Amino acid sequence: MSNFESTLKNIIVAPYIVKATALIGIKRKSGSNMFRHQISTLGILLDYKVTDPVILKASIIHDLFEDGGHLPGVTKDEIWHLDADGPAVYDLVMEVSIRRVNGEKEPKKDFLLRIMQSGSAKAKLLKLADRISNLVDLGFVNDPVFIRKYLNETSSLILPYAKAINEDMFIELSDLVASREKMSEMLG
């Protein structure tokens, strides 16, 4: 058994999966639901051999407060008490969530730059996995304006920082951007 496998087998994520099921009914532009995106983000981190339990658990609920914060059982207290990692997981989820000030959402550019320029190493890694998942799903979107906006955002706000965070993720992100740009051109 590899070190990755032996470390991974001791990480219990079921309580976080249960919380993430609150996102099943929330649709994404790609047609799937937010729950699947959480699981996809976890899968990407595992594919890159990430074994930090806080990052893995946070990946499962990383959009919970942005997209499901109004749902029953979606509270700071609930997450804090899931397990010993709960407080750190909650803090990481909040770090990668769009903030609201006086009811107004943080502008997307400010949000992404906040994470990429001054976020913790865990937040940056989680955001790269999240962006990879989003770019994969972008292959199912037929709105060329949305696709171009998302690709421009990725190229200007994520890629300049990605190589220093994880070179392999940078390569995958770059390849996905190139692939989606070709797709966007075909859509018009």
Foldseek 3Di string as FASTA:
>chain_A
DDPLVVLQVPQDQVVLLVLLVLFQPDADLLGGTPQVLLVQLLVLCVVVSDRDNLLSNLSNCLCCCVGPVVPPQNDLVSQCPPDVCSNVNSVLSVLLHFDADPNHTDPPLVSLQCCLPPNDLSNLSSVLSSLLSVLVSLVSHLDLVVLVVSLVCCVPRNLVRPCVSPVVSSVSSVVSSVVSVVVSVVSD
